[in-house]
């Protein structure tokens, strides 16, 4: 649904990746990093609280908006759309489907990052950590070509 701010949000936001069944996020658990956001209708809305709880219990909210200290946030502007519990993504219980509001395709190279901690050791000539998301998708396809 519409962002709490009532407007289109285009900004660099921080997210943290939690353990989940999401195929595309394999090996990325624990990563806290910036990512581009660009949406006007990005707020997760759960009219059925029991559905939200089932998804939460299944670790199906793998990416969360967080503040500069890496703590999950519902506060604007750390959470640009006002989603509850900082929810920025949802995955299926089997991990094959991942929906997310941030845009990792806009920052898969380090030179596309407007900011990162100086001690992150990122080389501008190399891919950013977000490229792994796409590599994971390709690897999963290769592993499951006959399924």
N, C-alpha and C. Protein backbone atom coordinates (compact mmCIF):
# COMPACT_ATOMS: atom_id res chain seq x y z
N UNK A 1 0.84 -1.18 0.00
CA UNK A 1 0.00 0.00 0.00
C UNK A 1 0.89 1.25 0.00
N UNK A 2 0.26 2.41 -0.09
CA UNK A 2 1.03 3.67 -0.15
C UNK A 2 1.96 3.84 1.04
N UNK A 3 3.09 4.45 0.77
CA UNK A 3 4.05 4.77 1.83
C UNK A 3 3.39 5.67 2.86
N UNK A 4 3.79 5.55 4.10
CA UNK A 4 3.25 6.39 5.17
C UNK A 4 3.51 7.87 4.86
N UNK A 5 4.64 8.17 4.22
CA UNK A 5 4.97 9.56 3.88
C UNK A 5 4.01 10.16 2.86
N UNK A 6 3.28 9.30 2.15
CA UNK A 6 2.34 9.79 1.15
C UNK A 6 3.00 10.21 -0.15
N UNK A 7 4.28 9.88 -0.31
CA UNK A 7 4.97 10.30 -1.53
C UNK A 7 5.91 9.21 -2.03
N UNK A 8 6.36 9.41 -3.24
CA UNK A 8 7.35 8.52 -3.84
C UNK A 8 8.67 8.73 -3.10
N UNK A 9 9.29 7.65 -2.68
CA UNK A 9 10.57 7.71 -1.97
C UNK A 9 11.67 7.14 -2.85
N UNK A 10 12.65 7.94 -3.14
CA UNK A 10 13.83 7.50 -3.88
C UNK A 10 15.02 7.89 -3.04
N UNK A 11 15.67 6.87 -2.45
CA UNK A 11 16.74 7.16 -1.50
C UNK A 11 17.62 5.94 -1.32
N UNK A 12 18.75 6.16 -0.68
CA UNK A 12 19.67 5.12 -0.27
C UNK A 12 19.30 4.75 1.16
N UNK A 13 18.91 3.51 1.39
CA UNK A 13 18.49 3.06 2.71
C UNK A 13 19.32 1.86 3.14
N UNK A 14 19.38 1.64 4.43
CA UNK A 14 20.08 0.48 4.96
C UNK A 14 19.10 -0.66 5.19
N UNK A 15 19.57 -1.87 4.92
CA UNK A 15 18.80 -3.07 5.21
C UNK A 15 19.72 -4.09 5.87
N UNK A 16 19.09 -5.03 6.54
CA UNK A 16 19.83 -6.15 7.12
C UNK A 16 19.17 -7.43 6.63
N UNK A 17 19.98 -8.44 6.37
CA UNK A 17 19.48 -9.71 5.85
C UNK A 17 19.52 -10.74 6.97
N UNK A 18 18.40 -11.36 7.18
CA UNK A 18 18.27 -12.39 8.23
C UNK A 18 18.25 -13.78 7.61
N UNK A 19 18.40 -14.77 8.44
CA UNK A 19 18.31 -16.15 8.01
C UNK A 19 16.91 -16.41 7.47
N UNK A 20 16.82 -17.12 6.35
CA UNK A 20 15.54 -17.41 5.73
C UNK A 20 15.71 -18.55 4.74
N UNK A 21 14.60 -19.05 4.22
CA UNK A 21 14.71 -20.07 3.17
C UNK A 21 14.99 -19.48 1.78
N UNK A 22 15.08 -18.17 1.64
CA UNK A 22 15.21 -17.52 0.33
C UNK A 22 16.46 -17.97 -0.42
N UNK A 23 16.26 -18.61 -1.55
CA UNK A 23 17.34 -19.10 -2.41
C UNK A 23 18.28 -17.97 -2.81
N UNK A 24 17.73 -16.83 -3.17
CA UNK A 24 18.55 -15.73 -3.68
C UNK A 24 19.42 -15.08 -2.61
N UNK A 25 19.14 -15.37 -1.34
CA UNK A 25 19.90 -14.74 -0.26
C UNK A 25 20.86 -15.70 0.44
N UNK A 26 21.06 -16.87 -0.15
CA UNK A 26 21.98 -17.85 0.46
C UNK A 26 23.36 -17.23 0.69
N UNK A 27 23.88 -17.42 1.88
CA UNK A 27 25.21 -16.92 2.20
C UNK A 27 25.27 -15.42 2.47
N UNK A 28 24.12 -14.75 2.44
CA UNK A 28 24.10 -13.31 2.68
C UNK A 28 23.56 -12.98 4.07
N UNK A 29 23.19 -13.99 4.83
CA UNK A 29 22.64 -13.78 6.17
C UNK A 29 23.63 -13.00 7.01
N UNK A 30 23.12 -12.02 7.72
CA UNK A 30 23.97 -11.20 8.58
C UNK A 30 24.51 -9.95 7.90
N UNK A 31 24.35 -9.85 6.58
CA UNK A 31 24.83 -8.66 5.86
C UNK A 31 23.92 -7.48 6.19
N UNK A 32 24.52 -6.36 6.55
CA UNK A 32 23.80 -5.10 6.72
C UNK A 32 24.47 -4.12 5.78
N UNK A 33 23.67 -3.55 4.88
CA UNK A 33 24.26 -2.74 3.81
C UNK A 33 23.22 -1.79 3.23
N UNK A 34 23.71 -0.77 2.54
CA UNK A 34 22.83 0.15 1.85
C UNK A 34 22.29 -0.45 0.56
N UNK A 35 21.14 0.07 0.14
CA UNK A 35 20.49 -0.38 -1.09
C UNK A 35 19.58 0.75 -1.58
N UNK A 36 19.41 0.83 -2.88
CA UNK A 36 18.52 1.85 -3.44
C UNK A 36 17.06 1.47 -3.22
N UNK A 37 16.26 2.47 -2.93
CA UNK A 37 14.82 2.33 -2.77
C UNK A 37 14.18 3.32 -3.73
N UNK A 38 13.12 2.90 -4.41
CA UNK A 38 12.38 3.78 -5.31
C UNK A 38 10.96 3.25 -5.45
N UNK A 39 10.04 3.77 -4.63
CA UNK A 39 8.66 3.34 -4.71
C UNK A 39 7.73 4.32 -3.97
N UNK A 40 6.50 4.32 -4.39
CA UNK A 40 5.47 5.13 -3.74
C UNK A 40 4.46 4.27 -3.00
N UNK A 41 4.40 3.00 -3.38
CA UNK A 41 3.47 2.05 -2.78
C UNK A 41 4.27 0.84 -2.33
N UNK A 42 5.05 1.00 -1.29
CA UNK A 42 5.92 -0.08 -0.86
C UNK A 42 5.67 -0.62 0.52
N UNK A 43 4.69 -0.08 1.22
CA UNK A 43 4.47 -0.50 2.61
C UNK A 43 3.76 -1.84 2.66
N UNK A 44 4.36 -2.76 3.40
CA UNK A 44 3.72 -4.06 3.62
C UNK A 44 2.52 -3.87 4.53
N UNK A 45 1.42 -4.50 4.17
CA UNK A 45 0.18 -4.37 4.94
C UNK A 45 -0.39 -5.76 5.15
N UNK A 46 -0.72 -6.08 6.38
CA UNK A 46 -1.23 -7.40 6.73
C UNK A 46 -2.57 -7.27 7.44
N UNK A 47 -3.67 -7.33 6.68
CA UNK A 47 -4.98 -7.24 7.34
C UNK A 47 -5.26 -8.47 8.22
N UNK A 48 -4.58 -9.58 7.94
CA UNK A 48 -4.73 -10.80 8.72
C UNK A 48 -3.45 -11.00 9.54
N UNK A 49 -3.49 -10.64 10.80
CA UNK A 49 -2.31 -10.73 11.66
C UNK A 49 -1.81 -12.16 11.79
N UNK A 50 -2.70 -13.15 11.68
CA UNK A 50 -2.26 -14.55 11.80
C UNK A 50 -1.40 -14.95 10.60
N UNK A 51 -1.69 -14.42 9.42
CA UNK A 51 -0.85 -14.68 8.24
C UNK A 51 0.53 -14.08 8.45
N UNK A 52 0.58 -12.86 8.92
CA UNK A 52 1.87 -12.21 9.19
C UNK A 52 2.66 -13.03 10.19
N UNK A 53 2.00 -13.53 11.22
CA UNK A 53 2.70 -14.31 12.24
C UNK A 53 3.22 -15.64 11.67
N UNK A 54 2.43 -16.30 10.81
CA UNK A 54 2.90 -17.55 10.19
C UNK A 54 4.13 -17.30 9.33
N UNK A 55 4.12 -16.20 8.58
CA UNK A 55 5.29 -15.86 7.75
C UNK A 55 6.49 -15.51 8.63
N UNK A 56 6.25 -14.79 9.69
CA UNK A 56 7.31 -14.44 10.64
C UNK A 56 7.91 -15.72 11.25
N UNK A 57 7.05 -16.64 11.66
CA UNK A 57 7.51 -17.89 12.26
C UNK A 57 8.32 -18.74 11.28
N UNK A 58 8.03 -18.59 9.98
CA UNK A 58 8.76 -19.34 8.95
C UNK A 58 9.97 -18.62 8.40
N UNK A 59 10.36 -17.50 9.05
CA UNK A 59 11.50 -16.69 8.60
C UNK A 59 11.33 -16.21 7.16
N UNK A 60 10.12 -15.83 6.82
CA UNK A 60 9.81 -15.43 5.44
C UNK A 60 9.88 -13.92 5.21
N UNK A 61 10.44 -13.17 6.15
CA UNK A 61 10.70 -11.74 5.97
C UNK A 61 12.20 -11.53 6.08
N UNK A 62 12.97 -11.92 5.06
CA UNK A 62 14.43 -11.95 5.21
C UNK A 62 15.14 -10.61 5.18
N UNK A 63 14.58 -9.61 4.53
CA UNK A 63 15.26 -8.31 4.44
C UNK A 63 14.43 -7.29 5.21
N UNK A 64 15.11 -6.58 6.11
CA UNK A 64 14.44 -5.57 6.95
C UNK A 64 15.17 -4.24 6.83
N UNK A 65 14.41 -3.16 6.80
CA UNK A 65 15.01 -1.83 6.86
C UNK A 65 15.62 -1.65 8.25
N UNK A 66 16.76 -0.99 8.29
CA UNK A 66 17.41 -0.78 9.59
C UNK A 66 18.01 0.62 9.66
N UNK A 67 18.35 1.01 10.87
CA UNK A 67 18.97 2.32 11.07
C UNK A 67 20.48 2.22 10.84
N UNK A 68 21.17 3.30 11.08
CA UNK A 68 22.62 3.33 10.84
C UNK A 68 23.40 2.41 11.77
N UNK A 69 22.76 1.93 12.83
CA UNK A 69 23.41 1.00 13.76
C UNK A 69 23.06 -0.46 13.45
N UNK A 70 22.29 -0.68 12.37
CA UNK A 70 21.93 -2.03 11.98
C UNK A 70 20.72 -2.59 12.71
N UNK A 71 20.01 -1.73 13.46
CA UNK A 71 18.83 -2.17 14.20
C UNK A 71 17.59 -2.00 13.34
N UNK A 72 16.77 -3.04 13.27
CA UNK A 72 15.54 -2.98 12.48
C UNK A 72 14.74 -1.76 12.89
N UNK A 73 14.19 -1.07 11.89
CA UNK A 73 13.52 0.20 12.17
C UNK A 73 12.16 0.32 11.49
N UNK A 74 11.24 0.93 12.21
CA UNK A 74 9.96 1.33 11.64
C UNK A 74 9.92 2.85 11.46
N UNK A 75 10.98 3.54 11.88
CA UNK A 75 11.01 5.00 11.87
C UNK A 75 11.48 5.54 10.52
N UNK A 76 10.81 6.59 10.09
CA UNK A 76 11.19 7.31 8.87
C UNK A 76 12.37 8.22 9.21
N UNK A 77 13.37 8.35 8.38
CA UNK A 77 13.51 7.84 7.02
C UNK A 77 14.23 6.50 6.92
N UNK A 78 14.67 5.91 8.04
CA UNK A 78 15.34 4.61 7.95
C UNK A 78 14.45 3.58 7.27
N UNK A 79 13.18 3.62 7.60
CA UNK A 79 12.18 2.77 6.96
C UNK A 79 11.38 3.69 6.04
N UNK A 80 11.71 3.72 4.74
CA UNK A 80 11.14 4.72 3.85
C UNK A 80 9.65 4.58 3.55
N UNK A 81 9.06 3.42 3.85
CA UNK A 81 7.65 3.27 3.53
C UNK A 81 6.76 3.03 4.75
N UNK A 82 7.36 2.78 5.91
CA UNK A 82 6.58 2.58 7.13
C UNK A 82 6.10 1.16 7.34
N UNK A 83 6.71 0.19 6.66
CA UNK A 83 6.31 -1.21 6.84
C UNK A 83 6.52 -1.65 8.28
N UNK A 84 5.59 -2.46 8.80
CA UNK A 84 5.74 -2.94 10.17
C UNK A 84 7.00 -3.80 10.30
N UNK A 85 7.65 -3.69 11.42
CA UNK A 85 8.84 -4.49 11.72
C UNK A 85 9.95 -4.33 10.68
N UNK A 86 9.92 -3.21 9.94
CA UNK A 86 10.96 -2.94 8.95
C UNK A 86 10.93 -3.87 7.75
N UNK A 87 9.83 -4.55 7.53
CA UNK A 87 9.76 -5.56 6.46
C UNK A 87 10.02 -4.91 5.10
N UNK A 88 11.05 -5.42 4.41
CA UNK A 88 11.40 -4.93 3.07
C UNK A 88 11.28 -6.03 2.03
N UNK A 89 11.00 -7.27 2.48
CA UNK A 89 10.87 -8.39 1.54
C UNK A 89 10.04 -9.49 2.15
N UNK A 90 9.61 -10.38 1.29
CA UNK A 90 8.87 -11.57 1.70
C UNK A 90 9.30 -12.70 0.78
N UNK A 91 9.46 -13.88 1.35
CA UNK A 91 9.80 -15.04 0.51
C UNK A 91 8.81 -16.16 0.80
N UNK A 92 8.72 -17.08 -0.14
CA UNK A 92 7.87 -18.25 0.05
C UNK A 92 8.55 -19.21 1.03
N UNK A 93 7.78 -20.04 1.70
CA UNK A 93 8.38 -20.98 2.65
C UNK A 93 9.42 -21.91 2.03
N UNK A 94 9.28 -22.22 0.73
CA UNK A 94 10.28 -23.08 0.09
C UNK A 94 11.47 -22.29 -0.43
N UNK A 95 11.43 -20.95 -0.32
CA UNK A 95 12.55 -20.11 -0.70
C UNK A 95 12.68 -19.80 -2.18
N UNK A 96 11.81 -20.35 -3.01
CA UNK A 96 11.94 -20.16 -4.45
C UNK A 96 11.45 -18.80 -4.94
N UNK A 97 10.63 -18.15 -4.17
CA UNK A 97 10.07 -16.86 -4.57
C UNK A 97 10.49 -15.79 -3.56
N UNK A 98 10.98 -14.69 -4.07
CA UNK A 98 11.40 -13.57 -3.23
C UNK A 98 10.86 -12.28 -3.84
N UNK A 99 10.12 -11.53 -3.04
CA UNK A 99 9.63 -10.21 -3.47
C UNK A 99 10.26 -9.20 -2.53
N UNK A 100 10.81 -8.14 -3.10
CA UNK A 100 11.43 -7.11 -2.28
C UNK A 100 11.17 -5.74 -2.88
N UNK A 101 11.09 -4.75 -2.00
CA UNK A 101 10.86 -3.38 -2.46
C UNK A 101 12.15 -2.65 -2.81
N UNK A 102 13.23 -2.85 -2.10
CA UNK A 102 14.48 -2.19 -2.52
C UNK A 102 14.94 -2.73 -3.87
N UNK A 103 15.92 -2.07 -4.46
CA UNK A 103 16.37 -2.40 -5.82
C UNK A 103 17.84 -2.80 -5.87
N UNK A 104 18.15 -4.08 -5.63
CA UNK A 104 19.55 -4.51 -5.69
C UNK A 104 20.14 -4.42 -7.10
N UNK A 105 19.29 -4.44 -8.11
CA UNK A 105 19.78 -4.32 -9.49
C UNK A 105 20.36 -2.94 -9.77
N UNK A 106 20.10 -1.98 -8.91
CA UNK A 106 20.63 -0.63 -9.07
C UNK A 106 21.94 -0.41 -8.34
N UNK A 107 22.43 -1.45 -7.67
CA UNK A 107 23.67 -1.27 -6.90
C UNK A 107 24.49 -2.56 -6.84
N UNK A 108 24.56 -3.29 -7.94
CA UNK A 108 25.33 -4.53 -7.93
C UNK A 108 26.81 -4.31 -8.22
N UNK A 109 27.19 -3.08 -8.55
CA UNK A 109 28.60 -2.72 -8.70
C UNK A 109 28.94 -1.69 -7.63
N UNK A 110 30.13 -1.77 -7.09
CA UNK A 110 30.50 -0.87 -5.99
C UNK A 110 30.45 0.60 -6.37
N UNK A 111 30.72 0.95 -7.62
CA UNK A 111 30.69 2.36 -7.99
C UNK A 111 29.27 2.92 -7.98
N UNK A 112 28.25 2.03 -7.91
CA UNK A 112 26.86 2.47 -7.85
C UNK A 112 26.42 2.79 -6.42
N UNK A 113 27.28 2.54 -5.45
CA UNK A 113 26.95 2.81 -4.05
C UNK A 113 27.32 4.25 -3.72
N UNK A 114 26.37 5.08 -3.33
CA UNK A 114 26.70 6.46 -3.01
C UNK A 114 27.47 6.60 -1.70
N UNK A 115 27.34 5.58 -0.84
CA UNK A 115 28.05 5.61 0.44
C UNK A 115 28.18 4.20 0.98
N UNK A 116 29.28 3.95 1.64
CA UNK A 116 29.48 2.74 2.42
C UNK A 116 30.56 3.05 3.45
N UNK A 117 30.61 2.29 4.53
CA UNK A 117 31.63 2.56 5.54
C UNK A 117 33.03 2.45 4.95
N UNK A 118 33.91 3.33 5.33
CA UNK A 118 35.28 3.34 4.80
C UNK A 118 35.99 2.03 5.09
N UNK A 119 35.65 1.39 6.20
CA UNK A 119 36.33 0.14 6.56
C UNK A 119 35.68 -1.10 5.95
N UNK A 120 34.74 -0.91 5.02
CA UNK A 120 34.06 -2.04 4.39
C UNK A 120 34.96 -2.79 3.41
N UNK A 121 36.06 -2.15 2.99
CA UNK A 121 36.99 -2.81 2.08
C UNK A 121 36.44 -3.03 0.68
N UNK A 122 35.53 -2.17 0.24
CA UNK A 122 34.94 -2.32 -1.09
C UNK A 122 35.78 -1.59 -2.13
N UNK A 123 36.12 -2.29 -3.18
CA UNK A 123 36.90 -1.75 -4.30
C UNK A 123 35.93 -1.31 -5.38
N UNK A 124 36.00 -0.04 -5.81
CA UNK A 124 35.07 0.52 -6.79
C UNK A 124 35.09 -0.23 -8.12
N UNK A 125 36.15 -0.94 -8.41
CA UNK A 125 36.23 -1.66 -9.68
C UNK A 125 35.63 -3.07 -9.61
N UNK A 126 35.11 -3.45 -8.46
CA UNK A 126 34.59 -4.81 -8.26
C UNK A 126 33.08 -4.78 -8.02
N UNK A 127 32.44 -5.96 -8.13
CA UNK A 127 31.01 -6.05 -7.84
C UNK A 127 30.73 -5.80 -6.36
N UNK A 128 29.55 -5.29 -6.07
CA UNK A 128 29.14 -5.08 -4.68
C UNK A 128 28.61 -6.41 -4.12
N UNK A 129 28.39 -6.47 -2.82
CA UNK A 129 27.81 -7.68 -2.24
C UNK A 129 26.44 -8.04 -2.80
N UNK A 130 25.73 -7.07 -3.39
CA UNK A 130 24.40 -7.36 -3.94
C UNK A 130 24.45 -8.26 -5.17
N UNK A 131 25.59 -8.34 -5.84
CA UNK A 131 25.68 -9.23 -7.01
C UNK A 131 25.42 -10.68 -6.60
N UNK A 132 25.77 -11.05 -5.39
CA UNK A 132 25.58 -12.43 -4.91
C UNK A 132 24.12 -12.86 -5.01
N UNK A 133 23.19 -11.95 -4.81
CA UNK A 133 21.78 -12.26 -4.92
C UNK A 133 21.48 -12.84 -6.31
N UNK A 134 22.01 -12.24 -7.35
CA UNK A 134 21.78 -12.70 -8.72
C UNK A 134 22.58 -13.96 -9.04
N UNK A 135 23.77 -14.05 -8.49
CA UNK A 135 24.58 -15.25 -8.67
C UNK A 135 23.90 -16.45 -8.01
N UNK A 136 23.31 -16.23 -6.86
CA UNK A 136 22.58 -17.30 -6.19
C UNK A 136 21.42 -17.80 -7.03
N UNK A 137 20.70 -16.89 -7.68
CA UNK A 137 19.59 -17.29 -8.53
C UNK A 137 20.09 -18.17 -9.68
N UNK A 138 21.17 -17.76 -10.31
CA UNK A 138 21.75 -18.54 -11.40
C UNK A 138 22.21 -19.91 -10.92
N UNK A 139 22.90 -19.95 -9.79
CA UNK A 139 23.38 -21.23 -9.26
C UNK A 139 22.21 -22.16 -8.94
N UNK A 140 21.13 -21.62 -8.37
CA UNK A 140 19.98 -22.45 -8.06
C UNK A 140 19.40 -23.04 -9.34
N UNK A 141 19.30 -22.22 -10.38
CA UNK A 141 18.78 -22.70 -11.67
C UNK A 141 19.67 -23.81 -12.22
N UNK A 142 20.99 -23.63 -12.17
CA UNK A 142 21.91 -24.64 -12.64
C UNK A 142 21.75 -25.95 -11.87
N UNK A 143 21.57 -25.85 -10.55
CA UNK A 143 21.43 -27.03 -9.70
C UNK A 143 20.11 -27.74 -9.92
N UNK A 144 19.10 -27.04 -10.40
CA UNK A 144 17.74 -27.59 -10.50
C UNK A 144 17.22 -27.63 -11.93
N UNK A 145 18.10 -27.70 -12.89
CA UNK A 145 17.71 -27.68 -14.29
C UNK A 145 16.78 -28.83 -14.66
N UNK A 146 16.89 -29.96 -14.01
CA UNK A 146 16.06 -31.11 -14.34
C UNK A 146 14.80 -31.22 -13.49
N UNK A 147 14.60 -30.30 -12.57
CA UNK A 147 13.43 -30.37 -11.68
C UNK A 147 12.26 -29.61 -12.21
